[in-house]
Protein backbone atom coordinates (compact mmCIF):
# COMPACT_ATOMS: atom_id res chain seq x y z
CA MET A 1 0.80 19.17 8.55
CA SER A 2 3.38 16.89 6.99
CA LEU A 3 3.87 13.15 7.27
CA VAL A 4 5.92 12.19 10.32
CA ASN A 5 8.21 9.53 11.72
CA PRO A 6 6.04 7.75 14.36
CA LEU A 7 8.72 7.09 16.97
CA GLU A 8 8.05 10.14 19.14
CA TYR A 9 4.40 9.14 19.53
CA ILE A 10 5.08 5.44 19.93
CA LYS A 11 7.70 6.03 22.63
CA LYS A 12 5.33 8.35 24.51
CA ALA A 13 2.58 5.75 24.27
CA LYS A 14 4.97 3.06 25.53
CA LYS A 15 5.86 5.10 28.62
CA GLU A 16 2.16 5.48 29.43
CA ASN A 17 1.24 1.82 28.80
CA LYS A 18 -0.67 2.82 25.70
CA ALA A 19 -0.25 2.04 22.00
CA ILE A 20 -0.58 3.72 18.62
CA PRO A 21 -3.10 2.10 16.25
CA ALA A 22 -1.90 1.33 12.73
CA PHE A 23 -4.68 0.90 10.17
CA ASN A 24 -4.29 -0.70 6.75
CA ILE A 25 -6.15 1.09 3.97
CA HIS A 26 -7.31 -0.13 0.57
CA ASN A 27 -9.18 2.94 -0.73
CA LEU A 28 -9.94 6.60 -0.01
CA VAL A 29 -13.08 5.82 1.99
CA MET A 30 -10.93 4.03 4.57
CA LEU A 31 -8.37 6.84 4.62
CA GLN A 32 -11.05 9.47 5.17
CA ALA A 33 -12.75 7.49 7.94
CA ILE A 34 -9.47 6.93 9.78
CA THR A 35 -8.18 10.49 9.60
CA GLU A 36 -11.53 12.10 10.46
CA THR A 37 -11.87 9.90 13.53
CA ALA A 38 -8.25 10.35 14.64
CA ALA A 39 -8.63 14.13 14.35
CA ASP A 40 -11.85 14.08 16.40
CA LEU A 41 -10.14 12.04 19.13
CA LYS A 42 -6.83 13.96 19.03
CA SER A 43 -4.95 10.74 18.33
CA PRO A 44 -1.77 10.17 16.35
CA VAL A 45 -2.38 7.59 13.67
CA ILE A 46 -0.43 5.32 11.35
CA ILE A 47 -1.77 4.66 7.85
CA GLN A 48 -0.42 1.40 6.43
CA THR A 49 -0.33 0.08 2.89
CA SER A 50 0.84 -3.30 1.68
CA GLN A 51 2.72 -3.97 -1.54
CA GLY A 52 -0.59 -5.13 -3.03
CA THR A 53 -2.37 -1.91 -2.09
CA ILE A 54 0.40 0.14 -3.68
CA LYS A 55 -0.07 -1.84 -6.89
CA HIS A 56 -3.84 -1.34 -6.66
CA MET A 57 -3.95 2.38 -5.80
CA GLY A 58 -0.65 3.71 -7.15
CA LEU A 59 2.29 4.89 -5.06
CA GLN A 60 2.16 8.63 -5.70
CA PHE A 61 -1.64 8.65 -5.48
CA ILE A 62 -1.40 7.15 -1.97
CA VAL A 63 1.31 9.54 -0.79
CA ASN A 64 -0.42 12.66 -2.12
CA ASN A 65 -3.78 11.74 -0.62
CA VAL A 66 -2.36 10.87 2.80
CA LYS A 67 -0.47 14.19 2.83
CA THR A 68 -3.68 15.99 1.92
CA ALA A 69 -5.55 14.18 4.71
CA SER A 70 -2.93 15.34 7.21
CA GLU A 71 -3.34 18.95 6.02
CA VAL A 72 -7.14 18.86 5.92
CA TYR A 73 -7.56 17.34 9.39
CA GLY A 74 -4.57 19.05 10.98
CA ILE A 75 -3.00 15.99 12.59
CA PRO A 76 0.38 14.31 12.18
CA ILE A 77 0.08 11.09 10.17
CA THR A 78 2.64 8.37 9.60
CA LEU A 79 2.56 6.63 6.23
CA HIS A 80 3.91 3.13 6.74
CA LEU A 81 4.86 0.39 4.29
CA ASP A 82 3.61 -2.90 5.73
CA HIS A 83 5.19 -6.35 5.24
CA CYS A 84 7.59 -5.50 2.43
CA THR A 85 9.79 -8.30 1.13
CA ASP A 86 11.42 -6.33 -1.69
CA TYR A 87 14.30 -3.90 -1.16
CA ASN A 88 13.57 -1.88 -4.30
CA THR A 89 9.97 -1.30 -3.21
CA VAL A 90 11.18 -0.07 0.17
CA ILE A 91 13.48 2.46 -1.51
CA LYS A 92 10.74 3.63 -3.89
CA CYS A 93 8.40 4.22 -0.97
CA ILE A 94 11.00 6.15 1.02
CA ARG A 95 11.75 8.34 -1.99
CA ALA A 96 8.04 8.92 -2.57
CA GLY A 97 7.49 10.16 0.99
CA TYR A 98 6.74 7.22 3.30
CA THR A 99 7.93 7.95 6.84
CA SER A 100 8.04 4.38 8.16
CA VAL A 101 8.70 0.99 6.55
CA MET A 102 8.45 -2.62 7.62
CA VAL A 103 11.11 -4.97 6.34
CA ASP A 104 9.69 -8.49 6.35
CA GLY A 105 12.55 -10.96 6.22
CA SER A 106 10.84 -13.46 8.51
CA MET A 107 10.80 -16.08 5.75
CA LEU A 108 14.59 -15.84 5.43
CA SER A 109 17.30 -17.39 7.55
CA TYR A 110 18.35 -15.36 10.60
CA ASN A 111 21.52 -14.04 8.95
CA LYS A 112 19.72 -13.09 5.72
CA ASN A 113 16.94 -11.40 7.68
CA VAL A 114 19.56 -9.37 9.57
CA ALA A 115 21.40 -8.42 6.36
CA PHE A 116 18.17 -7.36 4.60
CA THR A 117 16.98 -5.31 7.58
CA ARG A 118 20.36 -3.64 8.11
CA GLU A 119 20.51 -2.53 4.47
CA VAL A 120 17.17 -0.78 4.84
CA VAL A 121 18.09 0.72 8.23
CA LYS A 122 21.22 2.23 6.69
CA VAL A 123 19.19 4.09 4.06
CA ALA A 124 16.08 4.89 6.11
CA LYS A 125 17.74 6.42 9.16
CA ALA A 126 19.68 8.82 6.95
CA VAL A 127 16.35 10.44 5.98
CA ASP A 128 14.50 10.08 9.32
CA VAL A 129 12.34 7.13 8.29
CA ALA A 130 11.48 4.54 10.96
CA VAL A 131 12.21 0.87 10.30
CA GLU A 132 10.20 -2.06 11.64
CA GLY A 133 11.50 -5.60 11.36
CA GLU A 134 10.12 -9.00 12.28
CA ILE A 135 11.53 -12.01 14.07
CA GLY A 136 9.39 -15.13 14.34
CA LYS A 137 6.59 -16.03 11.93
CA ILE A 138 2.97 -14.95 12.35
CA SER A 139 0.46 -17.35 10.83
CA GLY A 140 -2.21 -16.39 8.29
CA THR A 141 -2.18 -14.52 4.99
CA GLU A 142 -1.01 -10.95 4.53
CA ASP A 143 -0.77 -9.58 1.00
CA LYS A 144 -0.34 -13.04 -0.59
CA ILE A 145 2.28 -14.08 2.00
CA THR A 146 0.84 -17.18 3.65
CA ILE A 147 2.22 -18.81 6.79
CA ASN A 148 0.31 -21.91 7.91
CA GLU A 149 0.13 -22.98 11.55
CA GLU A 150 2.86 -25.56 11.08
CA GLN A 151 5.24 -22.96 9.64
CA ALA A 152 4.46 -20.31 12.22
CA ASN A 153 6.79 -20.08 15.18
CA LEU A 154 6.72 -17.86 18.23
CA THR A 155 9.50 -15.38 18.82
CA ASP A 156 12.38 -16.49 21.02
CA PRO A 157 13.15 -13.65 23.51
CA GLN A 158 16.93 -13.99 23.29
CA GLU A 159 16.82 -14.10 19.50
CA ALA A 160 14.60 -11.01 19.51
CA LYS A 161 17.18 -9.11 21.56
CA LYS A 162 20.01 -10.26 19.32
CA PHE A 163 18.05 -9.31 16.19
CA ALA A 164 17.27 -5.83 17.52
CA ASP A 165 20.93 -5.31 18.47
CA ASP A 166 22.27 -6.72 15.19
CA THR A 167 20.01 -4.58 12.98
CA ASN A 168 19.65 -1.30 14.93
CA LEU A 169 16.00 -1.15 13.89
CA ASP A 170 13.38 1.12 15.50
CA LEU A 171 10.41 -1.23 15.98
CA LEU A 172 10.17 -4.98 16.31
CA ALA A 173 7.22 -7.18 15.33
CA VAL A 174 7.12 -10.35 17.41
CA ALA A 175 5.01 -13.50 17.18
CA ILE A 176 3.14 -14.36 20.38
CA GLY A 177 0.18 -16.30 18.95
CA THR A 178 -1.70 -13.79 16.80
CA ALA A 179 -2.53 -14.38 13.14
CA HIS A 180 -3.32 -12.37 10.04
CA GLY A 181 -6.91 -12.58 8.79
CA GLN A 182 -9.97 -13.90 10.63
CA TYR A 183 -9.58 -16.11 13.70
CA LYS A 184 -11.50 -19.39 13.78
CA GLY A 185 -11.59 -19.31 17.58
CA GLU A 186 -10.30 -17.06 20.35
CA PRO A 187 -6.54 -16.64 19.92
CA LYS A 188 -4.38 -17.74 22.83
CA LEU A 189 -1.62 -15.21 23.26
CA ASP A 190 1.63 -16.07 25.05
CA PHE A 191 1.81 -13.15 27.46
CA LYS A 192 4.68 -14.66 29.43
CA ARG A 193 6.76 -14.73 26.25
CA LEU A 194 5.80 -11.13 25.51
CA GLU A 195 6.81 -10.09 29.02
CA GLU A 196 10.20 -11.77 28.63
CA ILE A 197 10.79 -10.08 25.27
CA ALA A 198 9.77 -6.64 26.56
CA LYS A 199 12.18 -6.93 29.50
CA ILE A 200 15.26 -7.38 27.34
CA VAL A 201 14.42 -5.63 24.04
CA ASP A 202 14.78 -1.85 24.17
CA VAL A 203 12.83 -0.91 21.05
CA PRO A 204 9.00 -0.69 21.00
CA LEU A 205 7.18 -3.91 20.07
CA VAL A 206 4.51 -4.35 17.41
CA LEU A 207 1.45 -6.60 17.50
CA HIS A 208 0.45 -7.91 14.07
CA GLY A 209 -2.91 -9.60 13.56
CA GLY A 210 -4.62 -7.12 15.92
CA SER A 211 -8.09 -7.68 14.45
CA GLY A 212 -10.46 -10.04 16.22
CA ILE A 213 -8.53 -10.22 19.49
CA PRO A 214 -10.73 -9.83 22.60
CA LYS A 215 -10.48 -6.39 24.19
CA LYS A 216 -9.09 -7.78 27.43
CA SER A 217 -6.29 -9.55 25.53
CA THR A 218 -5.42 -6.40 23.56
CA LEU A 219 -5.27 -4.35 26.77
CA LYS A 220 -3.09 -6.98 28.42
CA ALA A 221 -0.76 -7.07 25.41
CA ILE A 222 -0.38 -3.28 25.55
CA LYS A 223 0.25 -3.36 29.30
CA LYS A 224 2.95 -6.00 28.82
CA GLY A 225 4.80 -4.15 26.08
CA MET A 226 3.04 -3.85 22.70
CA SER A 227 3.26 -0.22 21.57
CA LYS A 228 1.91 -0.42 18.01
CA ILE A 229 -1.23 -2.39 17.17
CA ASN A 230 -1.88 -3.36 13.53
CA ILE A 231 -5.51 -3.49 12.40
CA SER A 232 -6.64 -4.57 8.94
CA THR A 233 -9.22 -7.36 8.81
CA ASP A 234 -11.68 -5.62 11.15
CA LEU A 235 -11.81 -2.66 8.78
CA LYS A 236 -12.22 -4.81 5.67
CA MET A 237 -15.06 -6.73 7.28
CA ALA A 238 -16.80 -3.54 8.44
CA LEU A 239 -16.51 -1.93 5.02
CA THR A 240 -17.73 -4.98 3.13
CA GLY A 241 -20.55 -5.67 5.59
CA ALA A 242 -21.84 -2.10 5.42
CA ILE A 243 -21.93 -2.12 1.62
CA LYS A 244 -23.67 -5.51 1.53
CA ASP A 245 -26.27 -4.32 4.03
CA TYR A 246 -26.93 -1.12 2.08
CA ILE A 247 -27.34 -2.95 -1.23
CA THR A 248 -29.67 -5.49 0.42
CA GLU A 249 -31.82 -2.68 1.81
CA HIS A 250 -31.66 -0.62 -1.42
CA PRO A 251 -31.37 -3.15 -4.28
CA ASP A 252 -32.05 -0.51 -6.94
CA SER A 253 -29.39 1.90 -5.70
CA ASN A 254 -26.49 2.61 -8.03
CA ASP A 255 -25.02 5.65 -6.27
CA PRO A 256 -21.56 4.83 -4.85
CA ARG A 257 -21.69 7.95 -2.67
CA LYS A 258 -24.55 6.44 -0.70
CA TYR A 259 -23.19 2.98 -0.03
CA PHE A 260 -19.65 4.23 0.48
CA GLY A 261 -21.03 6.98 2.72
CA LYS A 262 -22.76 4.32 4.83
CA ALA A 263 -19.55 2.28 4.91
CA ARG A 264 -17.54 5.31 6.03
CA ASP A 265 -19.90 5.89 8.97
CA VAL A 266 -19.65 2.25 10.03
CA LEU A 267 -15.86 2.34 9.69
CA LYS A 268 -15.64 5.43 11.89
CA GLY A 269 -17.38 3.55 14.69
CA VAL A 270 -14.89 0.67 14.48
CA ILE A 271 -11.91 3.03 14.28
CA LYS A 272 -13.10 5.05 17.28
CA GLU A 273 -13.35 1.85 19.31
CA LYS A 274 -9.81 0.78 18.32
CA ILE A 275 -8.28 4.18 19.11
CA LYS A 276 -9.88 4.22 22.55
CA LEU A 277 -8.83 0.63 23.15
CA CYS A 278 -5.22 1.57 22.40
CA GLY A 279 -5.55 4.60 24.70
CA SER A 280 -4.11 6.99 22.12
CA ASP A 281 -7.09 9.39 22.20
CA GLY A 282 -6.02 12.75 23.56
CA LEU A 283 -2.32 11.97 23.15
CA LEU A 284 -1.85 14.94 20.81
CA ASP A 285 -3.10 17.33 23.49
CA ASP A 286 0.02 16.60 25.53
CA MET A 287 2.46 17.10 22.66
CA GLU A 288 3.54 19.90 20.38
CA VAL A 289 1.93 19.34 16.97
């Protein structure tokens, strides 16, 4: 298998009131857990890396290992660049083999956000790479980009439509009350706003800050128009918790294969739950792979 543009799967999921899960990885243990579970459940999957993860793991190392995972497990995988604020990094990732990129110009003025996104769209679409953009600001911290609650603002439906039309992007991330990182209380999502956006914006919508949201809220968000669900913090917490528990139970252990093996098993349980919540399990059975 090769790495794929995710639009075919996302559009199918959208028609069926389902979503495609997008998991952020930080090491090979996470990649293995995600792809093994997705293969078992016959689910398309999106592997995401931030600019920080690229710096940590190395660009070509990431691309080669995700390609290998797709071949080993026999499923189509999208490799997606998450929250990128730098044009040169976007181009490097496209050249290296990424099949989807997110242009994050949400900190810019509307016109500058449009110009930045359009520049990437021009390059990406020429080589069949999907482009995700963002309008509105989601609170929290993602890869050293911090938006506090005062700075965060929910997406205006009319502005979302104008932004999608002005940029010709493929996917649109919108702010409806989610946040990056851990929630201090139960998030209150603006489903009416989401419904209004989904009615007038033609491209699939993306939910950022998908970790820690109650199941019923995630299902409602998918039903009302979210077609890609980003998950990062839940995986980081599961990985870290599993390693801590193993070391506590085996204080003399110094074998990374054992504590990472335990972490991988715990991760697979979380990933299975997220895939089933999105409803993407079995989606590959209905499509030519």
